[in-house]
Amino acid sequence: MTLKEKIVNYLIEKDGLTDREIANVILGVNEPQQAVNQACRALVSKGIIKRVNRKDGLIGNFLVFGGRQGEPTPDGHEKHSTEEYSAFKEDNLKQILKDYLHANGWETQIAWGRTPGIDILAIRGTERWIIEVKGLGSLSAMNVNYFLGVLAETLQRMDDPNAKYSIALPDVRQFRNLWNRLPLLAKKRTGITAIFIDEQGNVDEGETNLMIDMKVKQD
């Protein structure tokens, strides 16, 4: 991941940070901030962030959202509208899944925000369902990183042969395409399923997941 991508990813969680604050997190406390300053100015020139004086007088870096869904940024990447981004924040998706799981008889343990650990651990009798969740990034390149990252996190959680493992993602075309391009053999061997959540809060595991379950049962 490039420095620019790291900056954008971090601003998604904590918008309005100064160059110094970003440098402290990404490069290390008291490390020179010139590289961050240059990267932020480059992001400004591409229309991805804006630099605005905060109430404390310091210059903060703020992500720029808006326009139509899928509107391209000047560097050719896709960005999403403010409303879509807000609906697909990670904790919002976790809340939707919590309600969905409880309605289906599951009890849940949820890691909200930046709390470390399994995002959602659902238990129903002797059943365990481990779900890793990712929200929507502001750029298409970020969503690719999110997708690969959530797969890696899920694989690292796989220590119970009897548990069900899933990734939960916003129901947008890019994440659907990324999931569909993942080889069926990989899905079958790992047993990982995908949950898609739309802006209305509908939860869908998809036909692909049903097909995988059928193939696994046949083997």
Protein backbone atom coordinates (compact mmCIF):
# COMPACT_ATOMS: atom_id res chain seq x y z
CA MET A 1 0.00 0.00 0.00
CA THR A 2 1.39 3.41 -0.96
CA LEU A 3 1.73 6.31 1.45
CA LYS A 4 -1.18 8.09 -0.26
CA GLU A 5 -3.41 5.04 0.18
CA LYS A 6 -2.41 4.75 3.84
CA ILE A 7 -3.28 8.41 4.39
CA VAL A 8 -6.70 8.06 2.76
CA ASN A 9 -7.41 4.86 4.72
CA TYR A 10 -6.56 6.59 7.98
CA LEU A 11 -8.61 9.69 7.18
CA ILE A 12 -11.64 7.47 6.64
CA GLU A 13 -11.47 6.60 10.34
CA LYS A 14 -10.29 9.99 11.65
CA ASP A 15 -10.97 12.81 9.23
CA GLY A 16 -9.39 16.26 9.60
CA LEU A 17 -5.97 15.24 10.92
CA THR A 18 -2.91 17.43 10.46
CA ASP A 19 0.18 16.29 8.57
CA ARG A 20 1.96 15.85 11.90
CA GLU A 21 -0.83 13.71 13.35
CA ILE A 22 -0.87 11.52 10.24
CA ALA A 23 2.90 11.18 10.24
CA ASN A 24 2.90 10.13 13.91
CA VAL A 25 0.60 7.20 13.10
CA ILE A 26 1.89 6.10 9.71
CA LEU A 27 5.61 6.92 9.94
CA GLY A 28 6.18 7.02 13.67
CA VAL A 29 6.17 9.63 16.41
CA ASN A 30 8.57 12.53 15.71
CA GLU A 31 9.51 11.15 12.28
CA PRO A 32 9.88 13.86 9.58
CA GLN A 33 6.52 14.80 8.12
CA GLN A 34 7.70 16.11 4.74
CA ALA A 35 6.68 12.93 2.91
CA VAL A 36 3.17 13.15 4.38
CA ASN A 37 2.93 16.83 3.49
CA GLN A 38 3.90 16.12 -0.13
CA ALA A 39 1.48 13.17 -0.37
CA CYS A 40 -1.38 15.24 1.05
CA ARG A 41 -0.73 18.07 -1.39
CA ALA A 42 -0.72 15.55 -4.23
CA LEU A 43 -4.06 14.18 -3.01
CA VAL A 44 -5.42 17.74 -2.96
CA SER A 45 -4.36 18.26 -6.59
CA LYS A 46 -6.30 15.11 -7.52
CA GLY A 47 -9.43 16.22 -5.70
CA ILE A 48 -9.29 13.42 -3.14
CA ILE A 49 -8.76 15.53 -0.02
CA LYS A 50 -8.96 19.20 0.93
CA ARG A 51 -6.84 21.13 3.43
CA VAL A 52 -8.84 23.39 5.73
CA ASN A 53 -8.03 25.42 8.84
CA ARG A 54 -9.45 23.69 11.90
CA LYS A 55 -10.95 25.49 14.90
CA ASP A 56 -7.59 25.21 16.65
CA GLY A 57 -5.92 27.08 13.79
CA LEU A 58 -4.04 24.06 12.46
CA ILE A 59 -4.47 22.80 8.90
CA GLY A 60 -6.46 19.57 8.77
CA ASN A 61 -6.78 17.12 5.89
CA PHE A 62 -10.38 16.23 5.02
CA LEU A 63 -11.60 13.62 2.54
CA VAL A 64 -13.65 14.95 -0.34
CA PHE A 65 -16.83 12.98 -1.06
CA GLY A 66 -19.84 13.79 -3.20
CA GLY A 67 -21.14 13.52 -6.72
CA ARG A 68 -22.74 10.51 -8.34
CA GLN A 69 -22.09 6.96 -7.23
CA GLY A 70 -19.07 5.66 -9.07
CA GLU A 71 -17.92 9.16 -10.17
CA PRO A 72 -14.23 8.93 -11.16
CA THR A 73 -11.62 11.05 -9.42
CA PRO A 74 -8.98 12.89 -11.46
CA ASP A 75 -6.58 9.96 -11.19
CA GLY A 76 -9.11 7.57 -12.70
CA HIS A 77 -10.19 5.89 -9.47
CA GLU A 78 -13.83 5.55 -8.51
CA LYS A 79 -15.23 7.45 -5.56
CA HIS A 80 -18.54 7.03 -3.80
CA SER A 81 -21.16 9.51 -2.64
CA THR A 82 -21.27 10.82 0.93
CA GLU A 83 -24.59 9.07 1.58
CA GLU A 84 -23.33 5.74 0.30
CA TYR A 85 -20.10 5.98 2.27
CA SER A 86 -21.98 6.82 5.49
CA ALA A 87 -24.42 3.93 5.05
CA PHE A 88 -21.56 1.49 4.57
CA LYS A 89 -19.38 2.42 7.54
CA GLU A 90 -18.04 -0.68 9.23
CA ASP A 91 -19.85 -0.22 12.54
CA ASN A 92 -23.14 0.37 10.69
CA LEU A 93 -22.69 -2.97 8.93
CA LYS A 94 -21.90 -4.65 12.26
CA GLN A 95 -25.10 -3.27 13.77
CA ILE A 96 -27.16 -4.57 10.85
CA LEU A 97 -25.56 -8.00 11.19
CA LYS A 98 -26.10 -7.98 14.95
CA ASP A 99 -29.84 -7.39 14.46
CA TYR A 100 -29.98 -9.97 11.67
CA LEU A 101 -28.20 -12.62 13.73
CA HIS A 102 -30.25 -11.99 16.86
CA ALA A 103 -33.44 -12.34 14.80
CA ASN A 104 -32.21 -15.76 13.73
CA GLY A 105 -31.42 -17.02 17.21
CA TRP A 106 -27.71 -16.17 17.41
CA GLU A 107 -25.96 -14.52 20.33
CA THR A 108 -23.14 -12.18 19.36
CA GLN A 109 -19.89 -10.74 20.61
CA ILE A 110 -18.87 -7.72 18.52
CA ALA A 111 -15.63 -5.73 18.31
CA TRP A 112 -16.81 -2.16 17.69
CA GLY A 113 -14.60 0.49 16.13
CA ARG A 114 -10.90 -0.28 16.36
CA THR A 115 -11.29 -2.87 19.12
CA PRO A 116 -8.94 -5.79 18.32
CA GLY A 117 -10.20 -9.33 17.85
CA ILE A 118 -12.89 -11.09 15.86
CA ASP A 119 -15.31 -8.55 14.36
CA ILE A 120 -18.38 -10.71 15.03
CA LEU A 121 -18.48 -13.99 16.92
CA ALA A 122 -21.95 -15.50 16.72
CA ILE A 123 -23.00 -18.48 18.83
CA ARG A 124 -26.18 -20.55 18.58
CA GLY A 125 -26.14 -23.68 20.69
CA THR A 126 -23.04 -25.58 19.58
CA GLU A 127 -22.69 -23.55 16.38
CA ARG A 128 -20.01 -20.85 15.96
CA TRP A 129 -20.00 -18.31 13.15
CA ILE A 130 -17.01 -16.00 12.74
CA ILE A 131 -17.55 -12.94 10.55
CA GLU A 132 -14.98 -10.35 9.52
CA VAL A 133 -16.45 -7.05 8.31
CA LYS A 134 -15.18 -4.31 5.99
CA GLY A 135 -16.84 -1.02 5.14
CA LEU A 136 -16.72 0.96 1.92
CA GLY A 137 -13.59 2.87 0.96
CA SER A 138 -13.63 6.19 -0.84
CA LEU A 139 -11.67 4.84 -3.81
CA SER A 140 -11.88 1.63 -5.82
CA ALA A 141 -8.21 0.86 -5.14
CA MET A 142 -8.88 1.00 -1.42
CA ASN A 143 -11.73 -1.48 -1.75
CA VAL A 144 -9.40 -3.98 -3.42
CA ASN A 145 -7.08 -3.66 -0.42
CA TYR A 146 -10.05 -4.02 1.93
CA PHE A 147 -11.18 -7.18 0.15
CA LEU A 148 -7.75 -8.80 0.26
CA GLY A 149 -7.31 -7.71 3.86
CA VAL A 150 -10.60 -9.17 5.09
CA LEU A 151 -9.80 -12.48 3.40
CA ALA A 152 -6.40 -12.56 5.10
CA GLU A 153 -7.94 -11.72 8.48
CA THR A 154 -10.50 -14.50 8.07
CA LEU A 155 -7.85 -17.06 7.18
CA GLN A 156 -5.94 -16.12 10.32
CA ARG A 157 -9.05 -16.78 12.41
CA MET A 158 -9.54 -20.32 11.09
CA ASP A 159 -8.66 -22.43 14.11
CA ASP A 160 -12.00 -24.23 14.57
CA PRO A 161 -12.83 -26.91 11.96
CA ASN A 162 -16.48 -26.88 13.02
CA ALA A 163 -17.06 -23.12 12.81
CA LYS A 164 -18.51 -21.22 9.87
CA TYR A 165 -16.39 -18.39 8.47
CA SER A 166 -17.68 -15.44 6.46
CA ILE A 167 -16.66 -12.03 5.21
CA ALA A 168 -19.24 -9.23 5.27
CA LEU A 169 -19.07 -6.44 2.68
CA PRO A 170 -21.16 -3.56 1.32
CA ASP A 171 -23.40 -4.69 -1.52
CA VAL A 172 -21.77 -2.68 -4.29
CA ARG A 173 -20.73 -3.82 -7.73
CA GLN A 174 -16.98 -3.78 -7.03
CA PHE A 175 -17.15 -6.08 -4.01
CA ARG A 176 -19.54 -8.41 -5.86
CA ASN A 177 -17.10 -8.60 -8.76
CA LEU A 178 -14.12 -9.23 -6.49
CA TRP A 179 -15.97 -12.06 -4.77
CA ASN A 180 -17.12 -13.56 -8.05
CA ARG A 181 -13.57 -13.52 -9.41
CA LEU A 182 -12.24 -15.42 -6.41
CA PRO A 183 -11.73 -18.99 -7.69
CA LEU A 184 -14.46 -21.41 -6.71
CA LEU A 185 -11.79 -23.88 -5.59
CA ALA A 186 -10.49 -21.33 -3.08
CA LYS A 187 -13.99 -20.79 -1.71
CA LYS A 188 -14.61 -24.53 -1.56
CA ARG A 189 -11.30 -25.39 0.13
CA THR A 190 -11.56 -22.65 2.76
CA GLY A 191 -15.34 -22.81 3.18
CA ILE A 192 -15.46 -19.01 3.44
CA THR A 193 -18.78 -17.44 2.42
CA ALA A 194 -19.59 -13.81 1.64
CA ILE A 195 -22.36 -11.70 3.14
CA PHE A 196 -23.47 -8.61 1.24
CA ILE A 197 -25.39 -5.79 2.93
CA ASP A 198 -27.18 -3.13 0.90
CA GLU A 199 -28.06 0.47 1.80
CA GLN A 200 -31.48 -0.61 3.06
CA GLY A 201 -29.93 -3.06 5.51
CA ASN A 202 -30.84 -6.22 3.60
CA VAL A 203 -28.48 -9.13 4.25
CA ASP A 204 -27.64 -11.57 1.43
CA GLU A 205 -25.28 -14.54 1.47
CA GLY A 206 -25.84 -15.08 -2.24
CA GLU A 207 -26.36 -18.04 -4.55
CA THR A 208 -22.62 -18.59 -4.85
CA ASN A 209 -22.42 -19.40 -1.16
CA LEU A 210 -25.26 -21.91 -1.43
CA MET A 211 -23.49 -23.59 -4.32
CA ILE A 212 -20.29 -23.84 -2.29
CA ASP A 213 -22.15 -25.40 0.64
CA MET A 214 -23.67 -27.97 -1.69
CA LYS A 215 -20.29 -28.85 -3.19
CA VAL A 216 -18.66 -29.15 0.21
CA LYS A 217 -21.43 -31.48 1.45
CA GLN A 218 -21.03 -33.66 -1.64
CA ASP A 219 -17.26 -34.17 -1.06
